[in-house]
């Protein structure tokens, strides 16, 4: 047997919600829906589906057991610092490689305090 619903309690709760949040808070969402909104929604849904299909159809590359869209693969990144020629795998070096074209160690040694000169092309001389 289902427990009986206390309709007085439900009415009190609805009144309290309406008082605190306004009458719109207790309205049935379906009462705001009409044929025009339905058509608009279906058009948006079709467009979204079309965009997802286009995205899925992009050329993908097998990257170690999973597929990655070709446009996300960047082959131009180099992990070797041009200043000291040391291979780096540190995430901190990535920041300095992208901005100053050197690793963090070289940034501290040669670039810090001389950013303008470095960006204009100055590099330390060998030996």
C-alpha atoms as a PDB file:
ATOM      1  CA  UNK A   1       0.000   0.000   0.000  1.00  0.00           C
ATOM      2  CA  UNK A   2       1.173   3.462  -0.827  1.00  0.00           C
ATOM      3  CA  UNK A   3       1.253   5.976   1.978  1.00  0.00           C
ATOM      4  CA  UNK A   4      -1.422   8.629   1.678  1.00  0.00           C
ATOM      5  CA  UNK A   5      -0.199  12.012   0.477  1.00  0.00           C
ATOM      6  CA  UNK A   6      -0.978  14.855   2.843  1.00  0.00           C
ATOM      7  CA  UNK A   7      -2.380  17.417   0.426  1.00  0.00           C
ATOM      8  CA  UNK A   8      -2.476  20.120   3.108  1.00  0.00           C
ATOM      9  CA  UNK A   9       1.259  19.697   3.705  1.00  0.00           C
ATOM     10  CA  UNK A  10       1.955  19.859  -0.044  1.00  0.00           C
ATOM     11  CA  UNK A  11      -0.109  23.058  -0.309  1.00  0.00           C
ATOM     12  CA  UNK A  12       1.800  24.613   2.606  1.00  0.00           C
ATOM     13  CA  UNK A  13       5.149  23.767   1.003  1.00  0.00           C
ATOM     14  CA  UNK A  14       4.059  25.221  -2.340  1.00  0.00           C
ATOM     15  CA  UNK A  15       2.881  28.420  -0.616  1.00  0.00           C
ATOM     16  CA  UNK A  16       6.199  28.747   1.200  1.00  0.00           C
ATOM     17  CA  UNK A  17       8.153  28.222  -2.036  1.00  0.00           C
ATOM     18  CA  UNK A  18       5.966  30.750  -3.887  1.00  0.00           C
ATOM     19  CA  UNK A  19       6.419  33.285  -1.090  1.00  0.00           C
ATOM     20  CA  UNK A  20      10.201  32.881  -1.034  1.00  0.00           C
ATOM     21  CA  UNK A  21      10.950  32.460  -4.777  1.00  0.00           C
ATOM     22  CA  UNK A  22       7.855  33.775  -6.546  1.00  0.00           C
ATOM     23  CA  UNK A  23       4.892  32.164  -8.273  1.00  0.00           C
ATOM     24  CA  UNK A  24       6.980  31.035 -11.232  1.00  0.00           C
ATOM     25  CA  UNK A  25       8.868  28.584  -8.992  1.00  0.00           C
ATOM     26  CA  UNK A  26       5.775  26.427  -8.477  1.00  0.00           C
ATOM     27  CA  UNK A  27       4.546  26.452 -12.072  1.00  0.00           C
ATOM     28  CA  UNK A  28       4.689  23.340 -14.242  1.00  0.00           C
ATOM     29  CA  UNK A  29       7.543  23.832 -16.762  1.00  0.00           C
ATOM     30  CA  UNK A  30       5.379  22.318 -19.510  1.00  0.00           C
ATOM     31  CA  UNK A  31       2.983  25.242 -19.223  1.00  0.00           C
ATOM     32  CA  UNK A  32       5.633  27.509 -20.798  1.00  0.00           C
ATOM     33  CA  UNK A  33       6.233  25.193 -23.777  1.00  0.00           C
ATOM     34  CA  UNK A  34       4.490  25.701 -27.119  1.00  0.00           C
ATOM     35  CA  UNK A  35       4.736  24.555 -30.749  1.00  0.00           C
ATOM     36  CA  UNK A  36       7.082  27.391 -31.733  1.00  0.00           C
ATOM     37  CA  UNK A  37       9.540  26.529 -28.946  1.00  0.00           C
ATOM     38  CA  UNK A  38       9.320  22.865 -29.901  1.00  0.00           C
ATOM     39  CA  UNK A  39      10.258  23.619 -33.533  1.00  0.00           C
ATOM     40  CA  UNK A  40      13.128  25.851 -32.438  1.00  0.00           C
ATOM     41  CA  UNK A  41      14.381  23.174 -30.058  1.00  0.00           C
ATOM     42  CA  UNK A  42      14.280  20.485 -32.752  1.00  0.00           C
ATOM     43  CA  UNK A  43      16.213  22.737 -35.169  1.00  0.00           C
ATOM     44  CA  UNK A  44      18.879  23.358 -32.524  1.00  0.00           C
ATOM     45  CA  UNK A  45      19.060  19.641 -31.799  1.00  0.00           C
ATOM     46  CA  UNK A  46      19.554  18.838 -35.512  1.00  0.00           C
ATOM     47  CA  UNK A  47      22.294  21.492 -35.804  1.00  0.00           C
ATOM     48  CA  UNK A  48      24.083  20.182 -32.716  1.00  0.00           C
ATOM     49  CA  UNK A  49      23.923  16.614 -34.027  1.00  0.00           C
ATOM     50  CA  UNK A  50      25.294  17.749 -37.388  1.00  0.00           C
ATOM     51  CA  UNK A  51      28.211  19.542 -35.692  1.00  0.00           C
ATOM     52  CA  UNK A  52      29.004  16.484 -33.573  1.00  0.00           C
ATOM     53  CA  UNK A  53      28.999  14.255 -36.653  1.00  0.00           C
ATOM     54  CA  UNK A  54      31.360  16.652 -38.458  1.00  0.00           C
ATOM     55  CA  UNK A  55      33.690  16.650 -35.466  1.00  0.00           C
ATOM     56  CA  UNK A  56      33.693  12.875 -35.315  1.00  0.00           C
ATOM     57  CA  UNK A  57      34.449  12.635 -39.040  1.00  0.00           C
ATOM     58  CA  UNK A  58      37.689  14.624 -38.705  1.00  0.00           C
ATOM     59  CA  UNK A  59      40.837  12.752 -39.568  1.00  0.00           C
ATOM     60  CA  UNK A  60      42.134  11.067 -36.444  1.00  0.00           C
ATOM     61  CA  UNK A  61      45.536   9.629 -35.658  1.00  0.00           C
ATOM     62  CA  UNK A  62      46.277   6.569 -33.530  1.00  0.00           C
ATOM     63  CA  UNK A  63      48.353   7.935 -30.643  1.00  0.00           C
ATOM     64  CA  UNK A  64      49.407   4.949 -28.593  1.00  0.00           C
ATOM     65  CA  UNK A  65      46.107   3.102 -28.488  1.00  0.00           C
ATOM     66  CA  UNK A  66      43.650   5.989 -28.628  1.00  0.00           C
ATOM     67  CA  UNK A  67      42.536   8.294 -31.423  1.00  0.00           C
ATOM     68  CA  UNK A  68      43.299  12.023 -31.402  1.00  0.00           C
ATOM     69  CA  UNK A  69      42.101  14.552 -34.013  1.00  0.00           C
ATOM     70  CA  UNK A  70      44.953  15.600 -36.295  1.00  0.00           C
ATOM     71  CA  UNK A  71      44.442  19.283 -35.497  1.00  0.00           C
ATOM     72  CA  UNK A  72      45.326  18.625 -31.834  1.00  0.00           C
ATOM     73  CA  UNK A  73      48.678  17.097 -32.717  1.00  0.00           C
ATOM     74  CA  UNK A  74      51.428  19.698 -32.726  1.00  0.00           C
ATOM     75  CA  UNK A  75      54.618  18.332 -34.284  1.00  0.00           C
ATOM     76  CA  UNK A  76      56.480  21.641 -33.973  1.00  0.00           C
ATOM     77  CA  UNK A  77      57.166  21.343 -30.242  1.00  0.00           C
ATOM     78  CA  UNK A  78      60.742  20.607 -29.340  1.00  0.00           C
ATOM     79  CA  UNK A  79      61.848  19.341 -25.961  1.00  0.00           C
ATOM     80  CA  UNK A  80      65.484  20.356 -26.523  1.00  0.00           C
ATOM     81  CA  UNK A  81      66.532  23.751 -25.176  1.00  0.00           C
ATOM     82  CA  UNK A  82      68.267  25.742 -27.961  1.00  0.00           C
ATOM     83  CA  UNK A  83      70.456  27.567 -25.435  1.00  0.00           C
ATOM     84  CA  UNK A  84      71.927  24.628 -23.491  1.00  0.00           C
ATOM     85  CA  UNK A  85      70.864  21.765 -25.808  1.00  0.00           C
ATOM     86  CA  UNK A  86      69.529  19.660 -22.914  1.00  0.00           C
ATOM     87  CA  UNK A  87      66.423  17.517 -23.378  1.00  0.00           C
ATOM     88  CA  UNK A  88      63.756  18.391 -20.839  1.00  0.00           C
ATOM     89  CA  UNK A  89      60.538  16.678 -19.778  1.00  0.00           C
ATOM     90  CA  UNK A  90      59.590  19.059 -16.960  1.00  0.00           C
ATOM     91  CA  UNK A  91      56.247  20.843 -17.191  1.00  0.00           C
ATOM     92  CA  UNK A  92      57.856  24.028 -15.847  1.00  0.00           C
ATOM     93  CA  UNK A  93      60.188  24.086 -18.844  1.00  0.00           C
ATOM     94  CA  UNK A  94      57.205  24.016 -21.229  1.00  0.00           C
ATOM     95  CA  UNK A  95      56.145  27.482 -20.066  1.00  0.00           C
ATOM     96  CA  UNK A  96      59.563  28.996 -20.685  1.00  0.00           C
ATOM     97  CA  UNK A  97      60.043  27.080 -23.948  1.00  0.00           C
ATOM     98  CA  UNK A  98      56.846  28.543 -25.360  1.00  0.00           C
ATOM     99  CA  UNK A  99      57.527  32.113 -24.227  1.00  0.00           C
ATOM    100  CA  UNK A 100      61.328  32.484 -24.285  1.00  0.00           C
ATOM    101  CA  UNK A 101      62.461  29.478 -26.351  1.00  0.00           C
ATOM    102  CA  UNK A 102      64.615  28.149 -23.512  1.00  0.00           C
ATOM    103  CA  UNK A 103      64.332  25.888 -20.468  1.00  0.00           C
ATOM    104  CA  UNK A 104      63.753  27.153 -16.921  1.00  0.00           C
ATOM    105  CA  UNK A 105      67.448  26.812 -16.026  1.00  0.00           C
ATOM    106  CA  UNK A 106      68.515  28.948 -19.001  1.00  0.00           C
ATOM    107  CA  UNK A 107      65.768  31.444 -18.193  1.00  0.00           C
ATOM    108  CA  UNK A 108      67.253  31.923 -14.724  1.00  0.00           C
ATOM    109  CA  UNK A 109      70.836  32.107 -16.029  1.00  0.00           C
ATOM    110  CA  UNK A 110      70.404  34.235 -19.152  1.00  0.00           C
ATOM    111  CA  UNK A 111      66.931  35.728 -19.524  1.00  0.00           C
ATOM    112  CA  UNK A 112      65.674  36.858 -16.116  1.00  0.00           C
ATOM    113  CA  UNK A 113      66.105  40.625 -15.928  1.00  0.00           C
ATOM    114  CA  UNK A 114      67.066  40.782 -19.620  1.00  0.00           C
ATOM    115  CA  UNK A 115      63.801  39.719 -21.253  1.00  0.00           C
ATOM    116  CA  UNK A 116      63.777  42.493 -23.877  1.00  0.00           C
ATOM    117  CA  UNK A 117      67.310  41.759 -25.002  1.00  0.00           C
ATOM    118  CA  UNK A 118      66.582  38.016 -25.153  1.00  0.00           C
ATOM    119  CA  UNK A 119      63.429  38.530 -27.199  1.00  0.00           C
ATOM    120  CA  UNK A 120      65.383  40.726 -29.638  1.00  0.00           C
ATOM    121  CA  UNK A 121      67.700  37.779 -30.366  1.00  0.00           C
ATOM    122  CA  UNK A 122      70.627  37.961 -27.965  1.00  0.00           C
ATOM    123  CA  UNK A 123      72.008  34.547 -26.945  1.00  0.00           C
ATOM    124  CA  UNK A 124      75.016  33.621 -24.788  1.00  0.00           C
ATOM    125  CA  UNK A 125      78.245  32.892 -26.612  1.00  0.00           C
ATOM    126  CA  UNK A 126      79.720  29.403 -26.487  1.00  0.00           C
ATOM    127  CA  UNK A 127      82.586  28.692 -24.117  1.00  0.00           C
END
